[in-house]
């Protein structure tokens, strides 16, 4: 089974990377749409205190796809 997420990459007020992971994103999002949404997150200043913000600057966005292959399970399938 594979899962797709969208990782929104920011820097915080300390210039360290902060990533916001979005599960089940829409397919084929445009650069413009994602960048505009990220800029709204930065402008909202909703994630931080005082002058320190978790999402202070937009860096980029990437789709990630992970693959899970079960080896076994101990679940009881009655």
N, C-alpha and C. Protein backbone atom coordinates (compact mmCIF):
# COMPACT_ATOMS: atom_id res chain seq x y z
N UNK A 1 0.86 -1.16 0.00
CA UNK A 1 0.00 0.00 0.00
C UNK A 1 0.91 1.24 0.00
N UNK A 2 0.54 2.24 -0.77
CA UNK A 2 1.32 3.48 -0.78
C UNK A 2 0.46 4.63 -0.26
N UNK A 3 1.14 5.57 0.36
CA UNK A 3 0.48 6.75 0.91
C UNK A 3 1.19 7.98 0.36
N UNK A 4 0.42 9.01 0.03
CA UNK A 4 0.99 10.25 -0.48
C UNK A 4 0.70 11.37 0.50
N UNK A 5 1.72 12.19 0.77
CA UNK A 5 1.57 13.37 1.61
C UNK A 5 2.21 14.55 0.89
N UNK A 6 1.82 15.73 1.31
CA UNK A 6 2.43 16.96 0.81
C UNK A 6 3.16 17.60 1.98
N UNK A 7 4.45 17.82 1.81
CA UNK A 7 5.24 18.46 2.85
C UNK A 7 5.47 19.91 2.48
N UNK A 8 4.99 20.81 3.35
CA UNK A 8 5.18 22.24 3.17
C UNK A 8 6.40 22.62 3.99
N UNK A 9 7.40 23.18 3.34
CA UNK A 9 8.67 23.46 3.99
C UNK A 9 8.81 24.95 4.23
N UNK A 10 9.03 25.29 5.50
CA UNK A 10 9.20 26.67 5.93
C UNK A 10 10.51 26.77 6.70
N UNK A 11 10.90 27.99 7.04
CA UNK A 11 11.87 28.19 8.10
C UNK A 11 11.15 28.93 9.22
N UNK A 12 11.59 28.67 10.45
CA UNK A 12 10.99 29.37 11.59
C UNK A 12 11.75 30.66 11.85
N UNK A 13 11.39 31.36 12.88
CA UNK A 13 12.04 32.64 13.19
C UNK A 13 13.52 32.48 13.50
N UNK A 14 13.94 31.30 13.89
CA UNK A 14 15.35 31.02 14.16
C UNK A 14 16.08 30.52 12.94
N UNK A 15 15.44 30.61 11.76
CA UNK A 15 16.00 30.18 10.48
C UNK A 15 16.29 28.67 10.43
N UNK A 16 15.51 27.89 11.19
CA UNK A 16 15.60 26.43 11.15
C UNK A 16 14.39 25.90 10.39
N UNK A 17 14.58 24.77 9.74
CA UNK A 17 13.51 24.18 8.92
C UNK A 17 12.33 23.73 9.77
N UNK A 18 11.13 24.05 9.33
CA UNK A 18 9.87 23.59 9.92
C UNK A 18 9.03 23.01 8.80
N UNK A 19 8.54 21.80 9.01
CA UNK A 19 7.77 21.12 7.97
C UNK A 19 6.36 20.86 8.47
N UNK A 20 5.39 21.20 7.64
CA UNK A 20 3.98 20.93 7.90
C UNK A 20 3.56 19.85 6.91
N UNK A 21 3.17 18.68 7.41
CA UNK A 21 2.82 17.54 6.56
C UNK A 21 1.31 17.45 6.41
N UNK A 22 0.86 17.42 5.16
CA UNK A 22 -0.57 17.35 4.83
C UNK A 22 -0.88 15.94 4.29
N UNK A 23 -1.65 15.14 5.03
CA UNK A 23 -2.03 13.82 4.51
C UNK A 23 -3.15 13.95 3.47
N UNK A 24 -3.17 13.05 2.53
CA UNK A 24 -4.21 12.98 1.50
C UNK A 24 -4.40 14.30 0.75
N UNK A 25 -3.32 14.87 0.21
CA UNK A 25 -3.47 16.14 -0.52
C UNK A 25 -4.15 15.91 -1.87
N UNK A 26 -4.72 16.98 -2.41
CA UNK A 26 -5.25 16.91 -3.76
C UNK A 26 -4.10 16.60 -4.72
N UNK A 27 -4.42 15.91 -5.78
CA UNK A 27 -3.41 15.61 -6.80
C UNK A 27 -3.20 16.83 -7.68
N UNK A 28 -2.01 16.96 -8.21
CA UNK A 28 -1.69 17.98 -9.21
C UNK A 28 -1.94 19.42 -8.75
N UNK A 29 -1.61 19.71 -7.50
CA UNK A 29 -1.70 21.10 -7.04
C UNK A 29 -0.66 21.93 -7.78
N UNK A 30 -1.01 23.15 -8.11
CA UNK A 30 -0.07 24.02 -8.82
C UNK A 30 0.86 24.71 -7.82
N UNK A 31 2.00 25.12 -8.33
CA UNK A 31 2.95 25.88 -7.53
C UNK A 31 2.27 27.12 -6.96
N UNK A 32 1.51 27.80 -7.79
CA UNK A 32 0.86 29.05 -7.38
C UNK A 32 -0.13 28.82 -6.23
N UNK A 33 -0.91 27.76 -6.32
CA UNK A 33 -1.91 27.48 -5.29
C UNK A 33 -1.24 27.12 -3.96
N UNK A 34 -0.22 26.28 -4.02
CA UNK A 34 0.46 25.87 -2.79
C UNK A 34 1.21 27.05 -2.18
N UNK A 35 1.92 27.80 -3.02
CA UNK A 35 2.67 28.93 -2.51
C UNK A 35 1.75 29.98 -1.87
N UNK A 36 0.61 30.23 -2.49
CA UNK A 36 -0.35 31.20 -1.93
C UNK A 36 -0.86 30.72 -0.57
N UNK A 37 -1.16 29.43 -0.45
CA UNK A 37 -1.63 28.89 0.83
C UNK A 37 -0.54 29.00 1.89
N UNK A 38 0.70 28.72 1.50
CA UNK A 38 1.80 28.81 2.45
C UNK A 38 2.03 30.25 2.91
N UNK A 39 1.91 31.18 2.00
CA UNK A 39 2.08 32.59 2.34
C UNK A 39 0.98 33.06 3.31
N UNK A 40 -0.23 32.49 3.16
CA UNK A 40 -1.30 32.81 4.10
C UNK A 40 -0.99 32.27 5.50
N UNK A 41 -0.39 31.09 5.56
CA UNK A 41 0.01 30.52 6.85
C UNK A 41 1.04 31.43 7.52
N UNK A 42 2.04 31.87 6.75
CA UNK A 42 3.06 32.76 7.30
C UNK A 42 2.42 34.06 7.78
N UNK A 43 1.57 34.66 6.95
CA UNK A 43 0.95 35.95 7.27
C UNK A 43 0.03 35.86 8.49
N UNK A 44 -0.56 34.70 8.73
CA UNK A 44 -1.50 34.56 9.85
C UNK A 44 -0.80 34.65 11.21
N UNK A 45 0.47 34.30 11.25
CA UNK A 45 1.23 34.28 12.51
C UNK A 45 0.49 33.50 13.59
N UNK A 46 -0.20 32.44 13.17
CA UNK A 46 -1.01 31.64 14.08
C UNK A 46 -0.22 30.58 14.84
N UNK A 47 1.03 30.35 14.44
CA UNK A 47 1.82 29.27 15.03
C UNK A 47 3.09 29.83 15.67
N UNK A 48 2.95 30.40 16.84
CA UNK A 48 4.10 30.94 17.54
C UNK A 48 3.67 31.86 18.66
N UNK A 49 4.66 32.46 19.31
CA UNK A 49 4.40 33.40 20.40
C UNK A 49 5.26 34.62 20.20
N UNK A 50 4.67 35.78 20.38
CA UNK A 50 5.43 37.03 20.26
C UNK A 50 6.11 37.13 18.90
N UNK A 51 7.41 37.39 18.95
CA UNK A 51 8.17 37.53 17.70
C UNK A 51 8.60 36.19 17.11
N UNK A 52 8.48 35.09 17.88
CA UNK A 52 8.91 33.79 17.38
C UNK A 52 7.75 33.10 16.66
N UNK A 53 8.01 32.67 15.41
CA UNK A 53 7.00 31.99 14.61
C UNK A 53 7.54 30.66 14.10
N UNK A 54 6.71 29.62 14.17
CA UNK A 54 7.09 28.30 13.67
C UNK A 54 7.21 28.31 12.15
N UNK A 55 6.30 29.02 11.50
CA UNK A 55 6.30 29.11 10.04
C UNK A 55 6.50 30.58 9.65
N UNK A 56 7.76 30.99 9.55
CA UNK A 56 8.08 32.40 9.32
C UNK A 56 8.36 32.73 7.86
N UNK A 57 8.92 31.77 7.11
CA UNK A 57 9.28 32.01 5.71
C UNK A 57 8.99 30.77 4.87
N UNK A 58 8.51 30.98 3.66
CA UNK A 58 8.22 29.89 2.72
C UNK A 58 9.52 29.44 2.05
N UNK A 59 9.75 28.13 2.04
CA UNK A 59 10.92 27.56 1.37
C UNK A 59 10.50 26.78 0.13
N UNK A 60 9.52 25.87 0.26
CA UNK A 60 9.09 25.06 -0.87
C UNK A 60 8.09 24.01 -0.43
N UNK A 61 7.70 23.16 -1.37
CA UNK A 61 6.75 22.09 -1.08
C UNK A 61 7.11 20.87 -1.93
N UNK A 62 6.87 19.69 -1.35
CA UNK A 62 7.20 18.45 -2.05
C UNK A 62 6.15 17.38 -1.75
N UNK A 63 5.79 16.63 -2.79
CA UNK A 63 4.97 15.44 -2.58
C UNK A 63 5.90 14.31 -2.16
N UNK A 64 5.47 13.53 -1.19
CA UNK A 64 6.20 12.33 -0.78
C UNK A 64 5.25 11.16 -0.91
N UNK A 65 5.74 10.05 -1.45
CA UNK A 65 4.98 8.82 -1.52
C UNK A 65 5.74 7.75 -0.76
N UNK A 66 5.06 7.13 0.20
CA UNK A 66 5.69 6.05 0.96
C UNK A 66 5.02 4.74 0.61
N UNK A 67 5.79 3.68 0.62
CA UNK A 67 5.30 2.35 0.29
C UNK A 67 5.41 1.48 1.52
N UNK A 68 4.34 0.79 1.88
CA UNK A 68 4.33 -0.13 3.01
C UNK A 68 4.07 -1.54 2.48
N UNK A 69 4.97 -2.45 2.80
CA UNK A 69 4.82 -3.85 2.42
C UNK A 69 4.83 -4.70 3.68
N UNK A 70 3.68 -5.23 4.07
CA UNK A 70 3.58 -6.01 5.30
C UNK A 70 4.33 -7.33 5.14
N UNK A 71 5.06 -7.67 6.18
CA UNK A 71 5.75 -8.96 6.23
C UNK A 71 4.83 -9.98 6.89
N UNK A 72 4.22 -9.60 8.01
CA UNK A 72 3.23 -10.43 8.67
C UNK A 72 2.44 -9.56 9.64
N UNK A 73 1.36 -10.11 10.17
CA UNK A 73 0.57 -9.42 11.19
C UNK A 73 0.11 -10.44 12.21
N UNK A 74 0.00 -10.02 13.46
CA UNK A 74 -0.47 -10.89 14.54
C UNK A 74 -1.93 -10.65 14.86
N UNK A 75 -2.61 -9.91 14.00
CA UNK A 75 -4.02 -9.62 14.24
C UNK A 75 -4.85 -10.89 14.16
N UNK A 76 -5.84 -10.99 15.03
CA UNK A 76 -6.73 -12.13 15.07
C UNK A 76 -7.85 -11.89 14.07
N UNK A 77 -7.93 -12.69 13.02
CA UNK A 77 -8.91 -12.52 11.96
C UNK A 77 -10.03 -13.54 12.10
N UNK A 78 -10.80 -13.45 13.15
CA UNK A 78 -11.89 -14.41 13.36
C UNK A 78 -13.09 -14.06 12.51
